[in-house]
Amino acid sequence: MRINDDLSKPVIVHASKLDWVASPSAGVDRRMLFRIGAEVARATSIVRYAPGSAFPRHTHGGGEEIVVLEGTFQDEHGDYPVGSYFRNPPGTSHVPASKDGCTIFVRLWQFRDEDRTQVVRQPGEGQQVAPRPGASNVSVLFDDGHEEVRLEDWRPGEIVSLANARGLEFLVLSGGLTIGGETLQPQGWGRLPAGMDLKATVGRQGAKIWIKEAPLLHPDVCRLPG
């Protein structure tokens, strides 16, 4: 399966308008944003857990990166409410579940082969840094020199510009913004190849954005099996 796999082209997906696709686990559905592969795949998705659902224990062969969008995501290590962020590097494992239901943003098989840093950020955690023009608050969730992940709050009505030397991926968590004539609401996702800067007009309610600055696919990305 291949979805939005041409990394040389910009892409915007209004994920909230996509149909849910059932996963192999009952009660766990997906909205697929990017995918290369079948069930084991390089993938970026919005995943919904019905109340009381769980996914079987699995090992992250190529790493897993998650942002909790709604409800509380859980595993045997703890509870992760809305706004939680974590990175499970290659070789880690867990049993993901949700007692009351949740929605998460997930990136799979996109870690560098040598990245073994596990990160768990509860809501509000992260390194506060000076906000860029148009932003009111910026929190760095992860930065290893190869990629930087941030949560940013953008002020209503502002025009926010981001230079893009490495590649950009972003997800609207709340509020809204307009990019190149496309109005993005929560679960609006986009990706821009290196050299294509981002210019966004923020909506009346402001916007909270998850942003990754990194190569869209690391040159030393973990190899898919087979």
Protein backbone atom coordinates (compact mmCIF):
# COMPACT_ATOMS: atom_id res chain seq x y z
CA MET A 1 0.00 0.00 0.00
CA ARG A 2 1.27 3.46 -0.87
CA ILE A 3 -0.35 6.68 0.36
CA ASN A 4 1.22 10.13 -0.12
CA ASP A 5 4.57 8.43 -0.65
CA ASP A 6 6.14 11.01 -2.99
CA LEU A 7 8.27 12.94 -0.52
CA SER A 8 9.34 15.47 -3.16
CA LYS A 9 5.84 17.01 -3.21
CA PRO A 10 3.98 19.03 -0.57
CA VAL A 11 0.88 17.40 0.85
CA ILE A 12 -2.02 18.55 3.02
CA VAL A 13 -4.63 16.11 4.35
CA HIS A 14 -7.87 17.05 6.10
CA ALA A 15 -7.77 13.94 8.24
CA SER A 16 -11.03 14.63 10.08
CA LYS A 17 -12.84 14.14 6.74
CA LEU A 18 -11.28 10.73 6.00
CA ASP A 19 -13.12 7.48 6.59
CA TRP A 20 -11.99 5.28 9.43
CA VAL A 21 -10.34 2.02 8.32
CA ALA A 22 -10.44 -0.99 10.65
CA SER A 23 -7.13 -2.35 11.96
CA PRO A 24 -6.51 -6.05 12.72
CA SER A 25 -7.48 -5.37 16.36
CA ALA A 26 -11.18 -5.02 17.18
CA GLY A 27 -12.12 -1.49 18.19
CA VAL A 28 -8.97 0.12 16.78
CA ASP A 29 -9.48 2.14 13.57
CA ARG A 30 -7.19 4.34 11.49
CA ARG A 31 -7.12 7.34 9.20
CA MET A 32 -4.08 6.87 6.98
CA LEU A 33 -2.03 9.97 6.10
CA PHE A 34 1.19 8.43 4.79
CA ARG A 35 2.02 4.81 4.17
CA ILE A 36 4.59 2.63 2.45
CA GLY A 37 3.92 -1.04 3.10
CA ALA A 38 1.18 -3.42 4.15
CA GLU A 39 0.39 -4.09 7.81
CA VAL A 40 4.05 -3.56 8.74
CA ALA A 41 4.72 -0.18 7.13
CA ARG A 42 6.28 3.22 7.30
CA ALA A 43 3.11 4.98 8.34
CA THR A 44 1.68 8.19 9.70
CA SER A 45 -1.91 7.82 10.92
CA ILE A 46 -4.64 9.07 13.18
CA VAL A 47 -5.69 6.06 15.31
CA ARG A 48 -8.90 5.72 17.31
CA TYR A 49 -9.32 3.31 20.21
CA ALA A 50 -12.88 2.46 21.20
CA PRO A 51 -13.55 2.26 24.96
CA GLY A 52 -12.09 -0.95 26.36
CA SER A 53 -10.04 -1.74 23.25
CA ALA A 54 -6.40 -2.81 23.14
CA PHE A 55 -3.71 -3.76 20.67
CA PRO A 56 -1.69 -6.92 21.31
CA ARG A 57 1.83 -6.63 22.70
CA HIS A 58 4.22 -5.73 19.92
CA THR A 59 7.83 -4.69 19.53
CA HIS A 60 8.63 -1.47 17.71
CA GLY A 61 11.03 -2.68 15.05
CA GLY A 62 11.28 0.76 13.48
CA GLY A 63 10.22 3.00 16.35
CA GLU A 64 6.93 4.62 17.27
CA GLU A 65 6.11 8.28 17.91
CA ILE A 66 2.76 9.33 19.42
CA VAL A 67 0.77 12.46 20.31
CA VAL A 68 -2.46 11.96 22.28
CA LEU A 69 -5.24 14.00 20.66
CA GLU A 70 -8.36 12.97 22.60
CA GLY A 71 -9.10 10.89 25.69
CA THR A 72 -6.46 8.94 27.60
CA PHE A 73 -4.09 6.47 25.96
CA GLN A 74 -2.67 3.75 28.19
CA ASP A 75 -0.18 0.92 28.36
CA GLU A 76 1.32 -1.15 31.16
CA HIS A 77 3.65 1.74 32.01
CA GLY A 78 1.01 4.39 32.68
CA ASP A 79 -1.71 6.75 31.47
CA TYR A 80 -1.20 9.44 28.84
CA PRO A 81 -3.89 12.15 28.68
CA VAL A 82 -4.49 14.67 25.90
CA GLY A 83 -1.30 16.52 25.02
CA SER A 84 1.06 13.68 25.97
CA TYR A 85 3.95 12.95 23.61
CA PHE A 86 6.27 9.99 23.54
CA ARG A 87 8.83 8.19 21.46
CA ASN A 88 9.33 4.44 21.71
CA PRO A 89 12.59 3.66 19.90
CA PRO A 90 13.38 0.46 18.00
CA GLY A 91 13.44 -2.57 20.30
CA THR A 92 10.89 -1.31 22.84
CA SER A 93 7.52 -3.00 23.32
CA HIS A 94 4.18 -2.42 25.06
CA VAL A 95 0.47 -3.26 25.10
CA PRO A 96 -1.41 -0.10 24.01
CA ALA A 97 -5.01 0.28 25.17
CA SER A 98 -7.66 2.75 26.30
CA LYS A 99 -10.21 2.11 29.04
CA ASP A 100 -12.45 5.04 28.06
CA GLY A 101 -11.40 5.48 24.41
CA CYS A 102 -8.89 7.83 22.82
CA THR A 103 -7.53 9.22 19.57
CA ILE A 104 -3.80 9.46 18.87
CA PHE A 105 -1.44 10.61 16.12
CA VAL A 106 1.12 7.89 15.33
CA ARG A 107 4.30 7.69 13.22
CA LEU A 108 5.78 4.20 12.67
CA TRP A 109 9.03 2.94 11.14
CA GLN A 110 10.44 6.46 10.70
CA PHE A 111 13.20 6.41 13.34
CA ARG A 112 16.85 6.56 12.47
CA ASP A 113 18.52 3.19 12.90
CA GLU A 114 20.76 4.52 15.69
CA ASP A 115 18.04 6.42 17.58
CA ARG A 116 17.51 4.62 20.90
CA THR A 117 16.27 7.58 22.96
CA GLN A 118 12.99 6.95 24.76
CA VAL A 119 11.01 10.08 25.58
CA VAL A 120 7.80 10.54 27.58
CA ARG A 121 6.34 14.04 27.92
CA GLN A 122 3.20 14.51 29.95
CA PRO A 123 1.06 17.59 29.10
CA GLY A 124 2.96 20.79 29.82
CA GLU A 125 6.37 19.14 29.89
CA GLY A 126 9.16 20.09 27.50
CA GLN A 127 11.78 22.81 27.19
CA GLN A 128 10.28 26.29 26.92
CA VAL A 129 12.02 28.45 24.32
CA ALA A 130 11.52 31.93 22.94
CA PRO A 131 8.50 31.94 20.60
CA ARG A 132 8.84 32.85 16.96
CA PRO A 133 6.92 35.93 15.66
CA GLY A 134 3.19 35.20 15.79
CA ALA A 135 3.53 32.53 18.47
CA SER A 136 2.78 32.92 22.18
CA ASN A 137 4.30 29.72 23.55
CA VAL A 138 6.80 27.17 22.22
CA SER A 139 7.83 23.91 23.90
CA VAL A 140 10.59 21.69 22.50
CA LEU A 141 9.60 18.06 23.04
CA PHE A 142 12.66 16.47 21.41
CA ASP A 143 15.85 17.65 19.73
CA ASP A 144 18.78 15.34 19.00
CA GLY A 145 20.42 17.40 16.26
CA HIS A 146 18.83 15.23 13.56
CA GLU A 147 15.27 16.37 14.17
CA GLU A 148 13.42 18.82 16.38
CA VAL A 149 9.84 18.36 17.60
CA ARG A 150 7.83 21.24 19.03
CA LEU A 151 4.41 22.22 20.32
CA GLU A 152 3.58 25.81 19.41
CA ASP A 153 0.66 28.09 20.29
CA TRP A 154 -0.04 30.62 17.54
CA ARG A 155 -1.94 33.85 18.16
CA PRO A 156 -5.27 34.55 16.44
CA GLY A 157 -5.01 36.43 13.15
CA GLU A 158 -1.21 36.30 12.96
CA ILE A 159 0.85 35.33 9.92
CA VAL A 160 3.46 32.77 10.96
CA SER A 161 6.43 31.92 8.73
CA LEU A 162 8.80 28.95 9.16
CA ALA A 163 12.01 28.55 7.18
CA ASN A 164 12.40 24.98 5.99
CA ALA A 165 15.97 23.79 5.47
CA ARG A 166 15.45 20.09 6.35
CA GLY A 167 11.78 19.26 5.81
CA LEU A 168 8.62 20.04 7.78
CA GLU A 169 5.73 17.96 9.05
CA PHE A 170 2.89 19.48 11.08
CA LEU A 171 -0.45 18.63 12.66
CA VAL A 172 -3.13 21.04 13.86
CA LEU A 173 -4.10 20.02 17.40
CA SER A 174 -6.66 22.75 18.05
CA GLY A 175 -7.90 25.94 16.44
CA GLY A 176 -7.23 26.46 12.75
CA LEU A 177 -5.07 28.09 10.11
CA THR A 178 -4.86 28.65 6.37
CA ILE A 179 -1.93 27.61 4.18
CA GLY A 180 -1.93 28.33 0.45
CA GLY A 181 -5.70 28.63 0.31
CA GLU A 182 -6.27 25.44 2.33
CA THR A 183 -8.02 25.92 5.68
CA LEU A 184 -6.91 23.34 8.23
CA GLN A 185 -8.93 22.42 11.32
CA PRO A 186 -7.95 19.97 14.11
CA GLN A 187 -6.39 16.81 12.62
CA GLY A 188 -5.29 18.81 9.57
CA TRP A 189 -1.88 17.39 8.63
CA GLY A 190 0.78 18.61 6.24
CA ARG A 191 4.27 17.87 4.99
CA LEU A 192 6.66 20.11 3.04
CA PRO A 193 9.92 19.04 1.38
CA ALA A 194 13.11 20.90 2.27
CA GLY A 195 13.36 24.35 0.68
CA MET A 196 9.60 24.97 0.70
CA ASP A 197 8.95 27.41 3.54
CA LEU A 198 5.72 27.42 5.52
CA LYS A 199 3.54 30.54 5.67
CA ALA A 200 0.30 30.25 7.62
CA THR A 201 -2.51 32.65 8.53
CA VAL A 202 -3.89 31.77 11.93
CA GLY A 203 -7.66 31.60 12.46
CA ARG A 204 -9.78 33.55 14.94
CA GLN A 205 -9.38 30.97 17.69
CA GLY A 206 -5.63 30.76 17.37
CA ALA A 207 -3.96 27.38 16.83
CA LYS A 208 -1.93 24.77 18.66
CA ILE A 209 0.46 23.00 16.29
CA TRP A 210 2.73 19.95 16.54
CA ILE A 211 5.76 20.51 14.28
CA LYS A 212 8.67 18.31 13.26
CA GLU A 213 11.70 19.84 11.52
CA ALA A 214 13.68 16.97 9.99
CA PRO A 215 14.33 15.13 6.73
CA LEU A 216 11.01 13.68 5.62
CA LEU A 217 12.76 10.32 5.62
CA HIS A 218 16.11 9.99 7.36
CA PRO A 219 18.87 8.59 5.11
CA ASP A 220 19.62 6.03 7.84
CA VAL A 221 15.97 5.18 8.56
CA CYS A 222 15.30 1.71 9.99
CA ARG A 223 14.85 -0.88 7.27
CA LEU A 224 11.47 -2.50 6.87
CA PRO A 225 11.54 -6.32 7.14
CA GLY A 226 11.65 -8.22 3.86
